[in-house]
């Protein structure tokens, strides 16, 4: 029995050995995404080929893809059951929605305040006068 237990124990430990192939694959995927982002950024600054808001959208999508790979592999979320993934993913998506909604609400408030606050509107239309420089005092002269 002791030899059978030892053989079974060694087989069990070999089954759960540390696999570096997954880590290297994740490393190369993250490197490829980062190089692609850098290529697009350099190309944008050299040629100005895409509008900036579309480029920002591409960067956000690439950043979310990198976050997915990091969470899936290094936090071992890929190997969990679907319910566990949903318990973590849904609040994260709600938090992202929360931030976007409040940013939009803040911008809307700023525009409404500037449009309907009469004092703010009048002050924004008043031209700014140039300040006159005071004459410099000469040393020793009062």
C-alpha atoms as a PDB file:
ATOM      1  CA  UNK A   1       0.000   0.000   0.000  1.00  0.00           C
ATOM      2  CA  UNK A   2       2.812   2.391   0.742  1.00  0.00           C
ATOM      3  CA  UNK A   3       4.296   2.084  -2.755  1.00  0.00           C
ATOM      4  CA  UNK A   4       0.865   2.513  -4.353  1.00  0.00           C
ATOM      5  CA  UNK A   5       0.240   5.604  -2.252  1.00  0.00           C
ATOM      6  CA  UNK A   6       3.642   7.025  -3.182  1.00  0.00           C
ATOM      7  CA  UNK A   7       3.043   6.404  -6.891  1.00  0.00           C
ATOM      8  CA  UNK A   8      -0.394   7.926  -6.664  1.00  0.00           C
ATOM      9  CA  UNK A   9       0.999  10.934  -4.771  1.00  0.00           C
ATOM     10  CA  UNK A  10       3.724  11.536  -7.389  1.00  0.00           C
ATOM     11  CA  UNK A  11       1.192  11.256 -10.201  1.00  0.00           C
ATOM     12  CA  UNK A  12      -1.051  13.737  -8.422  1.00  0.00           C
ATOM     13  CA  UNK A  13       1.789  16.233  -7.912  1.00  0.00           C
ATOM     14  CA  UNK A  14       2.867  15.893 -11.564  1.00  0.00           C
ATOM     15  CA  UNK A  15      -0.682  16.626 -12.633  1.00  0.00           C
ATOM     16  CA  UNK A  16      -0.605  20.022 -10.883  1.00  0.00           C
ATOM     17  CA  UNK A  17       2.897  21.054 -11.852  1.00  0.00           C
ATOM     18  CA  UNK A  18       3.685  24.678 -12.619  1.00  0.00           C
ATOM     19  CA  UNK A  19       3.187  25.391 -16.324  1.00  0.00           C
ATOM     20  CA  UNK A  20       5.110  28.387 -17.656  1.00  0.00           C
ATOM     21  CA  UNK A  21       3.724  28.109 -21.189  1.00  0.00           C
ATOM     22  CA  UNK A  22       0.522  29.894 -20.180  1.00  0.00           C
ATOM     23  CA  UNK A  23       2.453  32.722 -18.546  1.00  0.00           C
ATOM     24  CA  UNK A  24       4.692  33.133 -21.595  1.00  0.00           C
ATOM     25  CA  UNK A  25       1.656  33.103 -23.911  1.00  0.00           C
ATOM     26  CA  UNK A  26       0.028  35.809 -21.796  1.00  0.00           C
ATOM     27  CA  UNK A  27       3.274  37.779 -21.804  1.00  0.00           C
ATOM     28  CA  UNK A  28       3.481  37.674 -25.611  1.00  0.00           C
ATOM     29  CA  UNK A  29      -0.185  38.626 -26.015  1.00  0.00           C
ATOM     30  CA  UNK A  30       0.260  41.613 -23.676  1.00  0.00           C
ATOM     31  CA  UNK A  31       3.467  42.585 -25.471  1.00  0.00           C
ATOM     32  CA  UNK A  32       1.763  42.390 -28.879  1.00  0.00           C
ATOM     33  CA  UNK A  33      -1.144  44.565 -27.715  1.00  0.00           C
ATOM     34  CA  UNK A  34       1.252  47.124 -26.211  1.00  0.00           C
ATOM     35  CA  UNK A  35       3.404  47.242 -29.370  1.00  0.00           C
ATOM     36  CA  UNK A  36       0.244  47.698 -31.449  1.00  0.00           C
ATOM     37  CA  UNK A  37      -0.830  50.600 -29.203  1.00  0.00           C
ATOM     38  CA  UNK A  38       2.587  52.210 -29.519  1.00  0.00           C
ATOM     39  CA  UNK A  39       2.562  51.757 -33.300  1.00  0.00           C
ATOM     40  CA  UNK A  40      -0.845  53.442 -33.595  1.00  0.00           C
ATOM     41  CA  UNK A  41       0.219  56.304 -31.296  1.00  0.00           C
ATOM     42  CA  UNK A  42       3.430  56.962 -33.233  1.00  0.00           C
ATOM     43  CA  UNK A  43       1.564  56.710 -36.529  1.00  0.00           C
ATOM     44  CA  UNK A  44      -1.032  59.192 -35.249  1.00  0.00           C
ATOM     45  CA  UNK A  45       1.577  61.749 -34.211  1.00  0.00           C
ATOM     46  CA  UNK A  46       3.456  61.396 -37.490  1.00  0.00           C
ATOM     47  CA  UNK A  47       0.523  61.346 -39.943  1.00  0.00           C
ATOM     48  CA  UNK A  48      -2.644  62.297 -37.978  1.00  0.00           C
ATOM     49  CA  UNK A  49      -4.519  59.495 -39.783  1.00  0.00           C
ATOM     50  CA  UNK A  50      -7.497  59.028 -37.411  1.00  0.00           C
ATOM     51  CA  UNK A  51      -9.629  61.455 -35.416  1.00  0.00           C
ATOM     52  CA  UNK A  52      -8.513  61.596 -31.815  1.00  0.00           C
ATOM     53  CA  UNK A  53     -11.802  60.346 -30.307  1.00  0.00           C
ATOM     54  CA  UNK A  54     -11.674  57.189 -32.454  1.00  0.00           C
ATOM     55  CA  UNK A  55      -8.053  56.658 -31.456  1.00  0.00           C
ATOM     56  CA  UNK A  56      -9.012  57.046 -27.782  1.00  0.00           C
ATOM     57  CA  UNK A  57     -11.706  54.402 -28.278  1.00  0.00           C
ATOM     58  CA  UNK A  58      -9.137  52.011 -29.761  1.00  0.00           C
ATOM     59  CA  UNK A  59      -6.828  52.624 -26.800  1.00  0.00           C
ATOM     60  CA  UNK A  60      -9.641  51.954 -24.332  1.00  0.00           C
ATOM     61  CA  UNK A  61     -10.546  48.678 -26.074  1.00  0.00           C
ATOM     62  CA  UNK A  62      -6.897  47.572 -26.115  1.00  0.00           C
ATOM     63  CA  UNK A  63      -6.502  48.451 -22.431  1.00  0.00           C
ATOM     64  CA  UNK A  64      -9.605  46.426 -21.565  1.00  0.00           C
ATOM     65  CA  UNK A  65      -8.207  43.490 -23.564  1.00  0.00           C
ATOM     66  CA  UNK A  66      -4.968  43.665 -21.576  1.00  0.00           C
ATOM     67  CA  UNK A  67      -6.951  43.856 -18.331  1.00  0.00           C
ATOM     68  CA  UNK A  68      -8.898  40.742 -19.392  1.00  0.00           C
ATOM     69  CA  UNK A  69      -5.726  38.746 -19.975  1.00  0.00           C
ATOM     70  CA  UNK A  70      -4.185  39.857 -16.692  1.00  0.00           C
ATOM     71  CA  UNK A  71      -7.315  39.032 -14.708  1.00  0.00           C
ATOM     72  CA  UNK A  72      -7.919  35.758 -16.539  1.00  0.00           C
ATOM     73  CA  UNK A  73      -4.422  34.353 -16.164  1.00  0.00           C
ATOM     74  CA  UNK A  74      -2.729  35.912 -13.161  1.00  0.00           C
ATOM     75  CA  UNK A  75      -5.838  36.051 -10.980  1.00  0.00           C
ATOM     76  CA  UNK A  76      -6.915  32.605 -12.287  1.00  0.00           C
ATOM     77  CA  UNK A  77     -10.405  33.837 -13.120  1.00  0.00           C
ATOM     78  CA  UNK A  78     -10.474  31.934 -16.434  1.00  0.00           C
ATOM     79  CA  UNK A  79     -10.614  28.649 -14.548  1.00  0.00           C
ATOM     80  CA  UNK A  80     -13.526  29.608 -12.296  1.00  0.00           C
ATOM     81  CA  UNK A  81     -17.165  28.770 -12.816  1.00  0.00           C
ATOM     82  CA  UNK A  82     -19.372  31.227 -14.708  1.00  0.00           C
ATOM     83  CA  UNK A  83     -21.256  32.371 -11.602  1.00  0.00           C
ATOM     84  CA  UNK A  84     -18.023  33.432  -9.903  1.00  0.00           C
ATOM     85  CA  UNK A  85     -16.969  35.356 -13.007  1.00  0.00           C
ATOM     86  CA  UNK A  86     -20.335  37.136 -13.107  1.00  0.00           C
ATOM     87  CA  UNK A  87     -20.137  38.011  -9.408  1.00  0.00           C
ATOM     88  CA  UNK A  88     -16.913  39.882 -10.145  1.00  0.00           C
ATOM     89  CA  UNK A  89     -17.653  41.212 -13.651  1.00  0.00           C
ATOM     90  CA  UNK A  90     -21.120  42.707 -13.157  1.00  0.00           C
ATOM     91  CA  UNK A  91     -20.154  45.061 -10.276  1.00  0.00           C
ATOM     92  CA  UNK A  92     -17.068  46.144 -12.236  1.00  0.00           C
ATOM     93  CA  UNK A  93     -19.231  46.984 -15.269  1.00  0.00           C
ATOM     94  CA  UNK A  94     -21.717  48.812 -13.045  1.00  0.00           C
ATOM     95  CA  UNK A  95     -18.867  50.850 -11.568  1.00  0.00           C
ATOM     96  CA  UNK A  96     -17.669  51.793 -15.061  1.00  0.00           C
ATOM     97  CA  UNK A  97     -21.228  52.818 -15.972  1.00  0.00           C
ATOM     98  CA  UNK A  98     -21.421  54.811 -12.724  1.00  0.00           C
ATOM     99  CA  UNK A  99     -18.267  56.792 -13.555  1.00  0.00           C
ATOM    100  CA  UNK A 100     -19.389  57.494 -17.135  1.00  0.00           C
ATOM    101  CA  UNK A 101     -22.865  58.566 -16.004  1.00  0.00           C
ATOM    102  CA  UNK A 102     -21.554  61.008 -13.412  1.00  0.00           C
ATOM    103  CA  UNK A 103     -19.017  62.459 -15.829  1.00  0.00           C
ATOM    104  CA  UNK A 104     -21.814  63.116 -18.315  1.00  0.00           C
ATOM    105  CA  UNK A 105     -23.988  64.587 -15.586  1.00  0.00           C
ATOM    106  CA  UNK A 106     -21.185  66.928 -14.491  1.00  0.00           C
ATOM    107  CA  UNK A 107     -20.598  68.174 -18.027  1.00  0.00           C
ATOM    108  CA  UNK A 108     -24.343  68.733 -18.478  1.00  0.00           C
ATOM    109  CA  UNK A 109     -24.509  70.710 -15.226  1.00  0.00           C
ATOM    110  CA  UNK A 110     -21.572  72.883 -16.260  1.00  0.00           C
ATOM    111  CA  UNK A 111     -23.188  73.729 -19.607  1.00  0.00           C
ATOM    112  CA  UNK A 112     -26.569  74.459 -18.032  1.00  0.00           C
ATOM    113  CA  UNK A 113     -25.014  76.640 -15.333  1.00  0.00           C
ATOM    114  CA  UNK A 114     -23.091  78.657 -17.914  1.00  0.00           C
ATOM    115  CA  UNK A 115     -26.157  79.050 -20.130  1.00  0.00           C
ATOM    116  CA  UNK A 116     -28.794  79.986 -17.539  1.00  0.00           C
ATOM    117  CA  UNK A 117     -26.848  81.823 -14.850  1.00  0.00           C
ATOM    118  CA  UNK A 118     -27.254  85.430 -16.016  1.00  0.00           C
ATOM    119  CA  UNK A 119     -24.324  86.737 -14.032  1.00  0.00           C
ATOM    120  CA  UNK A 120     -22.006  84.033 -15.385  1.00  0.00           C
ATOM    121  CA  UNK A 121     -23.181  84.746 -18.945  1.00  0.00           C
ATOM    122  CA  UNK A 122     -22.649  88.508 -18.578  1.00  0.00           C
ATOM    123  CA  UNK A 123     -19.195  88.029 -17.085  1.00  0.00           C
ATOM    124  CA  UNK A 124     -18.177  85.739 -19.948  1.00  0.00           C
ATOM    125  CA  UNK A 125     -19.133  88.440 -22.506  1.00  0.00           C
ATOM    126  CA  UNK A 126     -17.370  91.326 -20.733  1.00  0.00           C
ATOM    127  CA  UNK A 127     -14.041  92.132 -22.401  1.00  0.00           C
ATOM    128  CA  UNK A 128     -11.011  91.964 -20.173  1.00  0.00           C
ATOM    129  CA  UNK A 129      -9.121  95.249 -19.763  1.00  0.00           C
ATOM    130  CA  UNK A 130      -5.383  95.241 -19.890  1.00  0.00           C
ATOM    131  CA  UNK A 131      -3.842  96.048 -16.567  1.00  0.00           C
ATOM    132  CA  UNK A 132      -1.631  99.111 -16.547  1.00  0.00           C
ATOM    133  CA  UNK A 133       1.864  98.627 -15.263  1.00  0.00           C
ATOM    134  CA  UNK A 134       2.657 100.752 -12.243  1.00  0.00           C
ATOM    135  CA  UNK A 135       5.644 102.998 -12.688  1.00  0.00           C
ATOM    136  CA  UNK A 136       8.762 101.565 -11.207  1.00  0.00           C
ATOM    137  CA  UNK A 137      10.155 103.551  -8.327  1.00  0.00           C
ATOM    138  CA  UNK A 138      13.704 104.701  -8.698  1.00  0.00           C
ATOM    139  CA  UNK A 139      15.948 103.782  -5.822  1.00  0.00           C
ATOM    140  CA  UNK A 140      16.602 106.683  -3.509  1.00  0.00           C
ATOM    141  CA  UNK A 141      13.811 108.858  -4.954  1.00  0.00           C
ATOM    142  CA  UNK A 142      10.719 109.387  -2.860  1.00  0.00           C
END
